[in-house]
Amino acid sequence: MTIAFWTLLAAIAFPWLMAVIKKSALASNGNYNNSAPRAGLENLQGVSQRALWAEKNSFEILPAYIAAILVAHVAGAEQAYIDLAAILFIASRALYALCYLMDWATLRSIVWTLGIVCIVGLFVVSV
């Protein structure tokens, strides 16, 4: 299995990680109810709210990333380029999550753009 395929698992895990952070932040304040885990999501604040937003964004970008990796492999793109773009994408997502949690909005937007560039790059090397 290629490095790029392993990064798919990492990308799939990002929303789950953000959900854990969200729930942990809520639980530390005594505000998490496992019987109704989605109740009150619209009223979240602070780290819990930012973790929710990062979780949603991680789900939103996932289909494009999966498609880009699969297209690059099927098209027979150079494996080294695929793996590099995949690693850079995962690194950008980790930094993106950190920026979201720390409320570094401008840097978060820049890092998000880098992730999109990786996805577009995977399609470009597939031509």
N, C-alpha and C. Protein backbone atom coordinates (compact mmCIF):
# COMPACT_ATOMS: atom_id res chain seq x y z
N MET A 1 0.85 -1.18 0.00
CA MET A 1 0.00 0.00 0.00
C MET A 1 0.90 1.24 0.00
N THR A 2 0.49 2.25 -0.73
CA THR A 2 1.30 3.46 -0.87
C THR A 2 1.14 4.38 0.34
N ILE A 3 2.09 5.29 0.46
CA ILE A 3 1.99 6.31 1.51
C ILE A 3 0.71 7.12 1.33
N ALA A 4 0.41 7.47 0.09
CA ALA A 4 -0.78 8.26 -0.18
C ALA A 4 -2.05 7.55 0.28
N PHE A 5 -2.11 6.24 0.07
CA PHE A 5 -3.30 5.51 0.54
C PHE A 5 -3.38 5.53 2.07
N TRP A 6 -2.26 5.46 2.75
CA TRP A 6 -2.28 5.55 4.22
C TRP A 6 -2.77 6.92 4.68
N THR A 7 -2.46 7.97 3.89
CA THR A 7 -2.91 9.30 4.29
C THR A 7 -4.43 9.42 4.20
N LEU A 8 -5.06 8.57 3.40
CA LEU A 8 -6.53 8.58 3.37
C LEU A 8 -7.08 8.24 4.74
N LEU A 9 -6.47 7.27 5.40
CA LEU A 9 -6.90 6.92 6.76
C LEU A 9 -6.72 8.10 7.70
N ALA A 10 -5.60 8.78 7.58
CA ALA A 10 -5.36 9.96 8.42
C ALA A 10 -6.41 11.04 8.15
N ALA A 11 -6.73 11.28 6.89
CA ALA A 11 -7.72 12.30 6.55
C ALA A 11 -9.11 11.91 7.07
N ILE A 12 -9.42 10.63 7.02
CA ILE A 12 -10.70 10.15 7.56
C ILE A 12 -10.75 10.33 9.07
N ALA A 13 -9.60 10.20 9.73
CA ALA A 13 -9.54 10.30 11.19
C ALA A 13 -9.63 11.74 11.70
N PHE A 14 -9.29 12.73 10.88
CA PHE A 14 -9.30 14.11 11.35
C PHE A 14 -10.65 14.55 11.92
N PRO A 15 -11.78 14.30 11.24
CA PRO A 15 -13.05 14.72 11.84
C PRO A 15 -13.32 14.04 13.18
N TRP A 16 -12.93 12.77 13.27
CA TRP A 16 -13.13 12.05 14.53
C TRP A 16 -12.30 12.67 15.64
N LEU A 17 -11.07 13.03 15.33
CA LEU A 17 -10.19 13.67 16.31
C LEU A 17 -10.79 14.99 16.78
N MET A 18 -11.32 15.77 15.85
CA MET A 18 -11.94 17.05 16.22
C MET A 18 -13.18 16.81 17.09
N ALA A 19 -13.91 15.74 16.82
CA ALA A 19 -15.08 15.41 17.65
C ALA A 19 -14.65 15.06 19.07
N VAL A 20 -13.56 14.33 19.19
CA VAL A 20 -13.04 13.98 20.52
C VAL A 20 -12.63 15.25 21.27
N ILE A 21 -11.96 16.15 20.59
CA ILE A 21 -11.53 17.41 21.22
C ILE A 21 -12.77 18.21 21.64
N LYS A 22 -13.75 18.28 20.77
CA LYS A 22 -14.99 19.01 21.07
C LYS A 22 -15.66 18.43 22.31
N LYS A 23 -15.81 17.11 22.34
CA LYS A 23 -16.48 16.47 23.46
C LYS A 23 -15.67 16.58 24.74
N SER A 24 -14.36 16.50 24.62
CA SER A 24 -13.50 16.63 25.80
C SER A 24 -13.60 18.02 26.41
N ALA A 25 -13.62 19.03 25.53
CA ALA A 25 -13.75 20.40 26.04
C ALA A 25 -15.10 20.60 26.71
N LEU A 26 -16.14 20.03 26.14
CA LEU A 26 -17.46 20.12 26.76
C LEU A 26 -17.50 19.38 28.09
N ALA A 27 -16.93 18.18 28.11
CA ALA A 27 -16.95 17.37 29.33
C ALA A 27 -16.18 18.04 30.45
N SER A 28 -15.10 18.72 30.11
CA SER A 28 -14.31 19.38 31.15
C SER A 28 -15.11 20.49 31.83
N ASN A 29 -16.12 21.01 31.14
CA ASN A 29 -16.99 22.04 31.72
C ASN A 29 -18.27 21.44 32.29
N GLY A 30 -18.41 20.12 32.20
CA GLY A 30 -19.62 19.47 32.68
C GLY A 30 -20.80 19.67 31.75
N ASN A 31 -20.53 20.01 30.48
CA ASN A 31 -21.61 20.33 29.55
C ASN A 31 -21.86 19.26 28.49
N TYR A 32 -21.28 18.08 28.64
CA TYR A 32 -21.46 17.05 27.63
C TYR A 32 -22.43 16.00 28.13
N ASN A 33 -23.42 15.68 27.32
CA ASN A 33 -24.40 14.67 27.66
C ASN A 33 -24.33 13.60 26.57
N ASN A 34 -23.78 12.45 26.88
CA ASN A 34 -23.62 11.39 25.89
C ASN A 34 -24.96 10.81 25.45
N SER A 35 -26.02 11.02 26.21
CA SER A 35 -27.34 10.56 25.80
C SER A 35 -27.91 11.41 24.67
N ALA A 36 -27.45 12.65 24.57
CA ALA A 36 -27.90 13.56 23.52
C ALA A 36 -26.68 14.36 23.02
N PRO A 37 -25.75 13.70 22.32
CA PRO A 37 -24.49 14.34 21.97
C PRO A 37 -24.61 15.52 21.01
N ARG A 38 -25.70 15.60 20.27
CA ARG A 38 -25.84 16.70 19.30
C ARG A 38 -26.69 17.84 19.84
N ALA A 39 -27.27 17.64 21.00
CA ALA A 39 -28.08 18.70 21.59
C ALA A 39 -27.19 19.87 21.97
N GLY A 40 -27.60 21.04 21.59
CA GLY A 40 -26.88 22.24 21.99
C GLY A 40 -25.67 22.57 21.14
N LEU A 41 -25.45 21.88 20.02
CA LEU A 41 -24.28 22.19 19.20
C LEU A 41 -24.29 23.63 18.69
N GLU A 42 -25.49 24.16 18.46
CA GLU A 42 -25.58 25.54 17.97
C GLU A 42 -25.20 26.56 19.04
N ASN A 43 -25.12 26.13 20.30
CA ASN A 43 -24.79 27.04 21.40
C ASN A 43 -23.35 26.90 21.89
N LEU A 44 -22.54 26.13 21.20
CA LEU A 44 -21.16 25.94 21.63
C LEU A 44 -20.38 27.24 21.55
N GLN A 45 -19.35 27.32 22.37
CA GLN A 45 -18.47 28.48 22.38
C GLN A 45 -17.04 28.02 22.58
N GLY A 46 -16.12 28.90 22.28
CA GLY A 46 -14.71 28.63 22.56
C GLY A 46 -14.15 27.45 21.78
N VAL A 47 -13.31 26.66 22.46
CA VAL A 47 -12.62 25.54 21.82
C VAL A 47 -13.62 24.52 21.28
N SER A 48 -14.68 24.26 22.02
CA SER A 48 -15.68 23.29 21.55
C SER A 48 -16.28 23.73 20.23
N GLN A 49 -16.62 24.99 20.11
CA GLN A 49 -17.20 25.51 18.88
C GLN A 49 -16.20 25.45 17.74
N ARG A 50 -14.96 25.84 17.99
CA ARG A 50 -13.94 25.81 16.94
C ARG A 50 -13.63 24.37 16.53
N ALA A 51 -13.64 23.44 17.48
CA ALA A 51 -13.43 22.03 17.15
C ALA A 51 -14.58 21.51 16.29
N LEU A 52 -15.79 21.93 16.58
CA LEU A 52 -16.94 21.54 15.76
C LEU A 52 -16.77 22.06 14.34
N TRP A 53 -16.37 23.31 14.21
CA TRP A 53 -16.18 23.89 12.88
C TRP A 53 -15.05 23.17 12.12
N ALA A 54 -13.98 22.84 12.81
CA ALA A 54 -12.88 22.10 12.19
C ALA A 54 -13.34 20.70 11.79
N GLU A 55 -14.17 20.09 12.64
CA GLU A 55 -14.73 18.77 12.33
C GLU A 55 -15.56 18.83 11.05
N LYS A 56 -16.43 19.83 10.96
CA LYS A 56 -17.27 19.97 9.77
C LYS A 56 -16.43 20.22 8.53
N ASN A 57 -15.43 21.08 8.63
CA ASN A 57 -14.58 21.35 7.48
C ASN A 57 -13.80 20.11 7.06
N SER A 58 -13.39 19.31 8.04
CA SER A 58 -12.66 18.08 7.72
C SER A 58 -13.54 17.12 6.94
N PHE A 59 -14.82 17.05 7.29
CA PHE A 59 -15.75 16.22 6.52
C PHE A 59 -15.97 16.80 5.12
N GLU A 60 -16.05 18.13 5.03
CA GLU A 60 -16.32 18.78 3.75
C GLU A 60 -15.21 18.57 2.73
N ILE A 61 -13.97 18.61 3.17
CA ILE A 61 -12.85 18.50 2.24
C ILE A 61 -12.50 17.05 1.91
N LEU A 62 -12.97 16.12 2.70
CA LEU A 62 -12.61 14.71 2.55
C LEU A 62 -12.94 14.12 1.17
N PRO A 63 -14.14 14.32 0.62
CA PRO A 63 -14.42 13.72 -0.69
C PRO A 63 -13.48 14.20 -1.79
N ALA A 64 -13.14 15.47 -1.78
CA ALA A 64 -12.23 16.00 -2.80
C ALA A 64 -10.85 15.38 -2.67
N TYR A 65 -10.39 15.19 -1.44
CA TYR A 65 -9.07 14.59 -1.22
C TYR A 65 -9.06 13.13 -1.65
N ILE A 66 -10.08 12.40 -1.27
CA ILE A 66 -10.17 10.99 -1.67
C ILE A 66 -10.18 10.88 -3.19
N ALA A 67 -10.99 11.70 -3.84
CA ALA A 67 -11.05 11.68 -5.30
C ALA A 67 -9.70 12.00 -5.92
N ALA A 68 -9.01 12.99 -5.39
CA ALA A 68 -7.71 13.39 -5.94
C ALA A 68 -6.69 12.26 -5.83
N ILE A 69 -6.66 11.59 -4.70
CA ILE A 69 -5.72 10.48 -4.51
C ILE A 69 -6.05 9.34 -5.48
N LEU A 70 -7.31 9.00 -5.57
CA LEU A 70 -7.71 7.90 -6.46
C LEU A 70 -7.46 8.23 -7.93
N VAL A 71 -7.79 9.44 -8.34
CA VAL A 71 -7.55 9.85 -9.73
C VAL A 71 -6.05 9.80 -10.04
N ALA A 72 -5.24 10.30 -9.14
CA ALA A 72 -3.78 10.30 -9.36
C ALA A 72 -3.26 8.87 -9.52
N HIS A 73 -3.75 7.97 -8.68
CA HIS A 73 -3.31 6.57 -8.79
C HIS A 73 -3.80 5.92 -10.09
N VAL A 74 -5.07 6.10 -10.39
CA VAL A 74 -5.64 5.49 -11.60
C VAL A 74 -4.98 6.04 -12.85
N ALA A 75 -4.68 7.33 -12.86
CA ALA A 75 -4.06 7.96 -14.03
C ALA A 75 -2.59 7.59 -14.18
N GLY A 76 -2.03 6.97 -13.15
CA GLY A 76 -0.64 6.55 -13.23
C GLY A 76 0.36 7.68 -13.02
N ALA A 77 -0.04 8.65 -12.23
CA ALA A 77 0.88 9.75 -11.91
C ALA A 77 2.10 9.22 -11.17
N GLU A 78 3.17 9.96 -11.23
CA GLU A 78 4.41 9.57 -10.55
C GLU A 78 4.14 9.41 -9.05
N GLN A 79 4.44 8.24 -8.51
CA GLN A 79 4.13 7.94 -7.12
C GLN A 79 4.79 8.90 -6.14
N ALA A 80 6.00 9.32 -6.44
CA ALA A 80 6.70 10.25 -5.55
C ALA A 80 5.93 11.57 -5.43
N TYR A 81 5.36 12.05 -6.53
CA TYR A 81 4.57 13.29 -6.50
C TYR A 81 3.27 13.09 -5.72
N ILE A 82 2.64 11.95 -5.94
CA ILE A 82 1.40 11.66 -5.22
C ILE A 82 1.67 11.62 -3.71
N ASP A 83 2.71 10.91 -3.33
CA ASP A 83 3.03 10.78 -1.90
C ASP A 83 3.40 12.13 -1.30
N LEU A 84 4.17 12.94 -2.03
CA LEU A 84 4.55 14.26 -1.51
C LEU A 84 3.32 15.14 -1.30
N ALA A 85 2.45 15.19 -2.31
CA ALA A 85 1.23 16.00 -2.18
C ALA A 85 0.36 15.48 -1.03
N ALA A 86 0.30 14.16 -0.88
CA ALA A 86 -0.51 13.56 0.18
C ALA A 86 0.03 13.93 1.56
N ILE A 87 1.33 13.83 1.73
CA ILE A 87 1.95 14.18 3.01
C ILE A 87 1.77 15.66 3.31
N LEU A 88 1.95 16.50 2.29
CA LEU A 88 1.76 17.94 2.48
C LEU A 88 0.31 18.25 2.83
N PHE A 89 -0.62 17.54 2.21
CA PHE A 89 -2.04 17.76 2.52
C PHE A 89 -2.32 17.42 3.98
N ILE A 90 -1.85 16.26 4.43
CA ILE A 90 -2.09 15.86 5.82
C ILE A 90 -1.42 16.83 6.79
N ALA A 91 -0.23 17.27 6.46
CA ALA A 91 0.44 18.27 7.31
C ALA A 91 -0.37 19.56 7.35
N SER A 92 -0.91 19.96 6.20
CA SER A 92 -1.72 21.18 6.17
C SER A 92 -2.99 21.01 7.00
N ARG A 93 -3.58 19.82 6.99
CA ARG A 93 -4.79 19.59 7.78
C ARG A 93 -4.49 19.60 9.27
N ALA A 94 -3.35 19.07 9.65
CA ALA A 94 -2.97 19.10 11.07
C ALA A 94 -2.75 20.54 11.52
N LEU A 95 -2.05 21.30 10.70
CA LEU A 95 -1.81 22.71 11.04
C LEU A 95 -3.12 23.49 11.00
N TYR A 96 -3.99 23.16 10.05
CA TYR A 96 -5.30 23.80 9.95
C TYR A 96 -6.10 23.59 11.24
N ALA A 97 -6.12 22.35 11.72
CA ALA A 97 -6.84 22.05 12.96
C ALA A 97 -6.27 22.84 14.13
N LEU A 98 -4.95 22.88 14.22
CA LEU A 98 -4.31 23.66 15.28
C LEU A 98 -4.70 25.13 15.19
N CYS A 99 -4.65 25.67 13.98
CA CYS A 99 -5.02 27.08 13.79
C CYS A 99 -6.47 27.32 14.19
N TYR A 100 -7.35 26.39 13.85
CA TYR A 100 -8.76 26.55 14.22
C TYR A 100 -8.91 26.54 15.74
N LEU A 101 -8.29 25.57 16.38
CA LEU A 101 -8.42 25.45 17.83
C LEU A 101 -7.83 26.66 18.56
N MET A 102 -6.75 27.21 18.02
CA MET A 102 -6.09 28.35 18.64
C MET A 102 -6.70 29.68 18.22
N ASP A 103 -7.66 29.64 17.30
CA ASP A 103 -8.35 30.83 16.79
C ASP A 103 -7.40 31.77 16.04
N TRP A 104 -6.54 31.18 15.22
CA TRP A 104 -5.63 31.94 14.36
C TRP A 104 -6.25 31.99 12.97
N ALA A 105 -7.21 32.88 12.79
CA ALA A 105 -8.06 32.88 11.60
C ALA A 105 -7.29 33.10 10.30
N THR A 106 -6.42 34.08 10.25
CA THR A 106 -5.71 34.38 9.00
C THR A 106 -4.78 33.25 8.61
N LEU A 107 -4.01 32.75 9.55
CA LEU A 107 -3.12 31.63 9.25
C LEU A 107 -3.93 30.40 8.86
N ARG A 108 -5.06 30.19 9.51
CA ARG A 108 -5.93 29.06 9.17
C ARG A 108 -6.36 29.13 7.71
N SER A 109 -6.73 30.31 7.24
CA SER A 109 -7.16 30.47 5.85
C SER A 109 -6.01 30.20 4.87
N ILE A 110 -4.83 30.63 5.24
CA ILE A 110 -3.65 30.38 4.39
C ILE A 110 -3.37 28.88 4.32
N VAL A 111 -3.42 28.22 5.46
CA VAL A 111 -3.14 26.78 5.51
C VAL A 111 -4.23 26.00 4.77
N TRP A 112 -5.47 26.43 4.88
CA TRP A 112 -6.56 25.80 4.13
C TRP A 112 -6.27 25.87 2.63
N THR A 113 -5.82 27.04 2.18
CA THR A 113 -5.48 27.22 0.77
C THR A 113 -4.37 26.27 0.34
N LEU A 114 -3.38 26.07 1.20
CA LEU A 114 -2.30 25.13 0.88
C LEU A 114 -2.85 23.71 0.69
N GLY A 115 -3.81 23.33 1.51
CA GLY A 115 -4.44 22.02 1.36
C GLY A 115 -5.17 21.89 0.03
N ILE A 116 -5.86 22.95 -0.37
CA ILE A 116 -6.56 22.95 -1.66
C ILE A 116 -5.55 22.86 -2.80
N VAL A 117 -4.43 23.56 -2.68
CA VAL A 117 -3.38 23.49 -3.69
C VAL A 117 -2.87 22.04 -3.83
N CYS A 118 -2.76 21.34 -2.74
CA CYS A 118 -2.33 19.93 -2.79
C CYS A 118 -3.34 19.09 -3.55
N ILE A 119 -4.62 19.32 -3.30
CA ILE A 119 -5.66 18.57 -4.00
C ILE A 119 -5.62 18.87 -5.50
N VAL A 120 -5.55 20.15 -5.85
CA VAL A 120 -5.47 20.53 -7.26
C VAL A 120 -4.21 19.96 -7.88
N GLY A 121 -3.12 19.99 -7.13
CA GLY A 121 -1.85 19.45 -7.62
C GLY A 121 -1.95 17.97 -7.95
N LEU A 122 -2.69 17.23 -7.16
CA LEU A 122 -2.88 15.80 -7.45
C LEU A 122 -3.60 15.59 -8.77
N PHE A 123 -4.56 16.44 -9.07
CA PHE A 123 -5.23 16.34 -10.36
C PHE A 123 -4.29 16.77 -11.50
N VAL A 124 -3.50 17.79 -11.27
CA VAL A 124 -2.59 18.30 -12.29
C VAL A 124 -1.54 17.23 -12.66
N VAL A 125 -0.96 16.56 -11.68
CA VAL A 125 0.05 15.54 -11.99
C VAL A 125 -0.56 14.30 -12.62
N SER A 126 -1.89 14.25 -12.65
CA SER A 126 -2.58 13.11 -13.24
C SER A 126 -2.82 13.28 -14.75
N VAL A 127 -2.52 14.44 -15.27
CA VAL A 127 -2.78 14.73 -16.70
C VAL A 127 -1.81 13.98 -17.58
